[in-house]
Each structure stands twice: as C-alpha cells, then as structure tokens.
N, C-alpha and C. Protein backbone atom coordinates (compact mmCIF):
# COMPACT_ATOMS: atom_id res chain seq x y z
N MET A 1 0.64 -1.14 0.14
CA MET A 1 0.37 -0.30 0.09
C MET A 1 0.97 0.77 0.42
N LYS A 2 0.69 2.53 -0.90
CA LYS A 2 1.74 3.42 -1.47
C LYS A 2 1.42 4.43 0.03
N ARG A 3 2.07 5.25 0.30
CA ARG A 3 1.74 6.34 1.44
C ARG A 3 1.35 7.76 0.71
N ILE A 4 0.82 8.23 0.51
CA ILE A 4 0.33 9.98 0.46
C ILE A 4 0.64 10.80 1.61
N ASN A 5 0.88 11.83 1.27
CA ASN A 5 0.54 12.90 2.14
C ASN A 5 -0.68 13.63 2.45
N VAL A 6 -1.43 13.99 3.08
CA VAL A 6 -3.00 14.90 3.37
C VAL A 6 -2.69 16.26 2.10
N HIS A 7 -1.65 16.88 2.10
CA HIS A 7 -1.56 17.84 0.42
C HIS A 7 -1.33 17.14 -0.42
N GLU A 8 -0.47 16.07 -0.69
CA GLU A 8 -0.22 15.15 -2.18
C GLU A 8 -2.08 14.87 -2.31
N ALA A 9 -2.54 14.53 -1.36
CA ALA A 9 -3.88 13.55 -1.58
C ALA A 9 -5.23 14.43 -2.29
N LYS A 10 -5.33 15.78 -1.19
CA LYS A 10 -5.69 17.01 -1.85
C LYS A 10 -5.50 17.86 -2.91
N THR A 11 -3.87 17.50 -3.50
CA THR A 11 -3.92 18.00 -4.60
C THR A 11 -4.25 16.84 -6.19
N HIS A 12 -4.19 15.91 -5.56
CA HIS A 12 -4.67 14.86 -6.96
C HIS A 12 -5.40 14.21 -7.00
N LEU A 13 -6.28 14.33 -5.80
CA LEU A 13 -7.10 13.15 -5.84
C LEU A 13 -8.22 12.77 -6.79
N SER A 14 -8.12 13.58 -7.54
CA SER A 14 -9.01 12.23 -9.38
C SER A 14 -8.18 11.52 -9.66
N ARG A 15 -7.09 11.68 -9.78
CA ARG A 15 -5.78 10.30 -10.22
C ARG A 15 -5.65 9.39 -9.06
N TYR A 16 -5.72 9.91 -7.79
CA TYR A 16 -5.93 9.19 -6.88
C TYR A 16 -7.19 8.40 -7.44
N LEU A 17 -8.16 8.52 -7.20
CA LEU A 17 -9.59 8.15 -7.77
C LEU A 17 -9.59 6.87 -8.96
N GLU A 18 -8.24 6.93 -9.81
CA GLU A 18 -8.94 6.18 -10.87
C GLU A 18 -7.78 5.42 -10.62
N HIS A 19 -6.92 5.71 -9.53
CA HIS A 19 -5.61 4.26 -8.85
C HIS A 19 -7.05 3.25 -8.08
N VAL A 20 -7.60 4.00 -7.27
CA VAL A 20 -8.24 3.00 -6.22
C VAL A 20 -9.80 2.49 -7.29
N GLU A 21 -9.90 3.29 -8.38
CA GLU A 21 -10.89 2.31 -9.20
C GLU A 21 -10.82 0.89 -9.73
N ARG A 22 -8.92 0.99 -10.36
CA ARG A 22 -8.27 -0.47 -10.72
C ARG A 22 -8.03 -1.38 -9.50
N GLY A 23 -8.30 -1.15 -8.36
CA GLY A 23 -7.84 -1.86 -7.04
C GLY A 23 -7.31 -1.78 -6.23
N GLU A 24 -6.24 -0.34 -6.72
CA GLU A 24 -5.32 0.36 -5.87
C GLU A 24 -5.21 0.82 -4.47
N SER A 25 -4.68 0.39 -3.46
CA SER A 25 -5.44 1.09 -1.84
C SER A 25 -4.20 2.48 -1.44
N PHE A 26 -4.58 3.67 -1.05
CA PHE A 26 -3.90 4.46 -0.48
C PHE A 26 -3.69 4.63 0.87
N LEU A 27 -2.76 4.75 1.63
CA LEU A 27 -2.51 5.23 2.89
C LEU A 27 -2.32 7.02 3.47
N VAL A 28 -3.17 7.59 3.47
CA VAL A 28 -2.80 8.53 4.03
C VAL A 28 -2.53 9.04 4.96
N CYS A 29 -1.25 10.06 4.75
CA CYS A 29 -0.94 10.21 6.34
C CYS A 29 -0.72 11.75 6.61
N ARG A 30 -0.78 12.23 7.91
CA ARG A 30 -0.38 13.68 8.04
C ARG A 30 0.85 13.50 9.13
N ARG A 31 1.83 14.37 8.46
CA ARG A 31 3.12 14.32 9.40
C ARG A 31 3.12 13.30 9.52
N ASN A 32 3.93 11.96 8.47
CA ASN A 32 4.54 10.64 8.76
C ASN A 32 3.49 10.03 9.32
N ALA A 33 1.77 10.10 9.71
CA ALA A 33 1.08 9.67 10.56
C ALA A 33 -0.14 8.74 10.15
N PRO A 34 -0.63 7.84 9.87
CA PRO A 34 -1.54 7.27 8.41
C PRO A 34 -2.72 7.76 9.67
N VAL A 35 -3.71 8.86 9.01
CA VAL A 35 -4.65 9.26 9.44
C VAL A 35 -6.50 8.71 8.52
N ALA A 36 -6.08 8.31 7.64
CA ALA A 36 -6.79 7.69 6.43
C ALA A 36 -6.69 6.08 5.31
N GLU A 37 -7.24 5.58 5.74
CA GLU A 37 -6.85 4.72 3.79
C GLU A 37 -7.87 4.87 3.49
N LEU A 38 -7.44 5.09 1.10
CA LEU A 38 -8.04 5.76 0.28
C LEU A 38 -8.01 3.95 -0.59
N ARG A 39 -9.58 3.32 -0.37
CA ARG A 39 -9.75 2.07 -0.80
C ARG A 39 -10.40 1.90 -1.24
N PRO A 40 -10.64 0.63 -2.53
CA PRO A 40 -12.22 0.53 -3.53
C PRO A 40 -12.73 0.09 -2.34
N VAL A 41 -14.30 0.35 -2.84
CA VAL A 41 -14.95 -0.28 -1.69
C VAL A 41 -17.08 -1.10 -2.68
N ARG A 42 -16.53 -2.37 -1.19
CA ARG A 42 -17.00 -3.18 -2.66
C ARG A 42 -18.20 -3.41 -3.38
N ARG A 43 -18.70 -3.84 -4.32
CA ARG A 43 -20.17 -2.97 -4.95
C ARG A 43 -20.54 -3.97 -4.20
N GLU A 44 -22.14 -3.60 -4.71
CA GLU A 44 -23.07 -4.18 -4.59
C GLU A 44 -23.18 -5.13 -5.22
N ARG A 45 -24.06 -6.50 -4.47
CA ARG A 45 -24.59 -7.36 -5.97
C ARG A 45 -25.80 -7.02 -7.11
N THR A 46 -25.59 -7.08 -7.58
CA THR A 46 -27.15 -6.60 -8.95
C THR A 46 -27.79 -7.58 -9.00
N LYS A 47 -27.80 -9.40 -8.60
CA LYS A 47 -28.13 -10.50 -8.54
C LYS A 47 -28.35 -11.19 -7.25
N ALA A 48 -29.35 -11.78 -7.50
CA ALA A 48 -28.97 -12.93 -6.42
C ALA A 48 -27.83 -14.14 -5.98
N ARG A 49 -26.85 -14.42 -5.20
CA ARG A 49 -25.96 -15.53 -5.38
C ARG A 49 -26.60 -16.60 -5.44
N PRO A 50 -26.22 -16.91 -6.74
CA PRO A 50 -26.65 -18.45 -7.15
C PRO A 50 -26.34 -19.58 -6.04
N MET A 51 -27.22 -20.81 -5.60
CA MET A 51 -27.51 -21.65 -4.41
C MET A 51 -26.68 -22.93 -5.17
N GLY A 52 -26.16 -23.36 -4.47
CA GLY A 52 -25.87 -24.87 -4.85
C GLY A 52 -23.91 -24.72 -5.58
N LEU A 53 -23.67 -23.35 -4.88
CA LEU A 53 -22.26 -23.85 -5.85
C LEU A 53 -21.12 -24.84 -5.58
N ALA A 54 -21.69 -25.10 -3.94
CA ALA A 54 -20.79 -26.62 -3.57
C ALA A 54 -21.73 -27.34 -4.14
N LYS A 55 -22.19 -28.01 -4.31
CA LYS A 55 -22.87 -29.46 -4.41
C LYS A 55 -21.93 -30.28 -4.56
N GLY A 56 -22.53 -31.28 -4.34
CA GLY A 56 -21.29 -32.55 -4.26
C GLY A 56 -19.54 -32.42 -3.56
N ARG A 57 -19.06 -30.92 -2.79
CA ARG A 57 -18.15 -31.00 -2.77
C ARG A 57 -17.92 -31.57 -0.99
N LEU A 58 -18.93 -31.54 -0.83
CA LEU A 58 -19.07 -31.55 0.64
C LEU A 58 -19.88 -32.89 0.85
N ARG A 59 -19.10 -33.97 2.07
CA ARG A 59 -19.53 -35.15 2.68
C ARG A 59 -19.59 -35.27 3.97
N ILE A 60 -21.32 -35.16 4.88
CA ILE A 60 -21.27 -34.84 6.08
C ILE A 60 -21.54 -36.49 6.49
N PRO A 61 -20.57 -36.77 7.27
CA PRO A 61 -20.67 -38.52 7.56
C PRO A 61 -22.06 -39.14 8.57
N PRO A 62 -22.13 -40.35 8.86
CA PRO A 62 -23.24 -40.30 9.21
C PRO A 62 -22.90 -40.19 11.02
N ALA A 63 -21.78 -40.55 11.00
CA ALA A 63 -21.35 -40.51 12.57
C ALA A 63 -22.18 -38.91 13.15
N PHE A 64 -22.10 -37.88 12.22
CA PHE A 64 -21.89 -36.12 12.90
C PHE A 64 -23.81 -36.26 13.01
N PHE A 65 -24.34 -36.93 13.08
CA PHE A 65 -26.14 -36.98 13.57
C PHE A 65 -26.31 -38.57 14.47
N LYS A 66 -25.30 -38.65 15.10
CA LYS A 66 -24.98 -39.03 16.34
C LYS A 66 -25.54 -38.64 17.33
N PRO A 67 -25.88 -39.06 18.89
CA PRO A 67 -26.48 -38.19 19.75
C PRO A 67 -24.42 -37.65 20.62
N LEU A 68 -23.96 -36.81 21.08
CA LEU A 68 -22.99 -36.28 21.66
C LEU A 68 -23.02 -37.69 23.45
N PRO A 69 -21.70 -37.60 23.38
CA PRO A 69 -21.61 -38.28 24.95
C PRO A 69 -21.67 -36.91 26.05
N ARG A 70 -22.78 -38.12 27.14
CA ARG A 70 -23.14 -36.91 28.07
C ARG A 70 -21.69 -36.32 28.92
N ASP A 71 -20.79 -36.58 28.84
CA ASP A 71 -20.20 -35.30 29.44
C ASP A 71 -19.87 -34.10 28.81
N LEU A 72 -20.08 -33.98 27.49
CA LEU A 72 -19.46 -33.22 26.97
C LEU A 72 -21.05 -32.42 26.61
N LEU A 73 -22.07 -33.46 26.47
CA LEU A 73 -23.11 -32.53 26.72
C LEU A 73 -23.04 -31.25 28.02
N ASP A 74 -22.92 -32.25 29.00
CA ASP A 74 -22.61 -31.62 30.46
C ASP A 74 -21.89 -29.92 31.04
N ALA A 75 -20.70 -30.54 29.44
CA ALA A 75 -19.67 -29.46 29.18
C ALA A 75 -20.14 -28.35 28.29
N PHE A 76 -20.88 -28.26 27.84
CA PHE A 76 -21.19 -27.10 26.39
C PHE A 76 -22.52 -26.40 28.06
N GLU A 77 -23.39 -27.05 28.13
CA GLU A 77 -24.29 -27.03 28.76
C GLU A 77 -23.69 -26.48 30.51
N GLY A 78 -22.80 -25.75 31.03
CA GLY A 78 -21.42 -25.48 32.21
C GLY A 78 -22.13 -26.30 33.00
N LYS A 79 -22.26 -27.91 33.11
CA LYS A 79 -22.37 -28.74 34.28
C LYS A 79 -21.24 -29.59 34.51
N GLY A 80 -21.23 -29.84 35.86
CA GLY A 80 -19.53 -31.07 36.31
C GLY A 80 -18.55 -30.39 36.49
N ARG A 81 -18.43 -28.99 36.84
CA ARG A 81 -17.54 -28.25 36.48
C ARG A 81 -16.66 -28.25 38.08
C-alpha cells in the first residue's frame, strides 16, 4: 500500500481515485502518521448469489448425526465443573 500525504491527496485526488477504481489502495498520512485509508469499496451484487455452488463437494458422515456423549453435553451446558 502506497503512502501519500494529505496535501498530495488533496492536490491529486482525481488521479488517486482512478488508481483506486483499478483496485489500488493508499494510506493517507499527516506528518508521516497514518490518518486514513483510500481504498476501493465493495460493489453491491446486482443479482442474487446462486444456490448450490458447493453441491457434491461436501460430505457429512453419518456419525455427525449421532448423539454427543453425556460428558460433552454437560460441558456445553456448564454442568459438572
């Protein structure tokens, strides 16, 4: 991340915004102390995220659905300290 001073940021803001639009980030400093970050903003989605992108990639073993041991359940519930 490139460091720029406040005066430079004010003088050349349009130029820095062009860089930011391309994905670059800048650390704005006053007397070499960072005060702000100039970075791209995440764009909002224009359409809903598709469902099922991980279909077939995840396998849940049958043991996942078995009851937990009593001592582990007690630990979760704060019993048996």
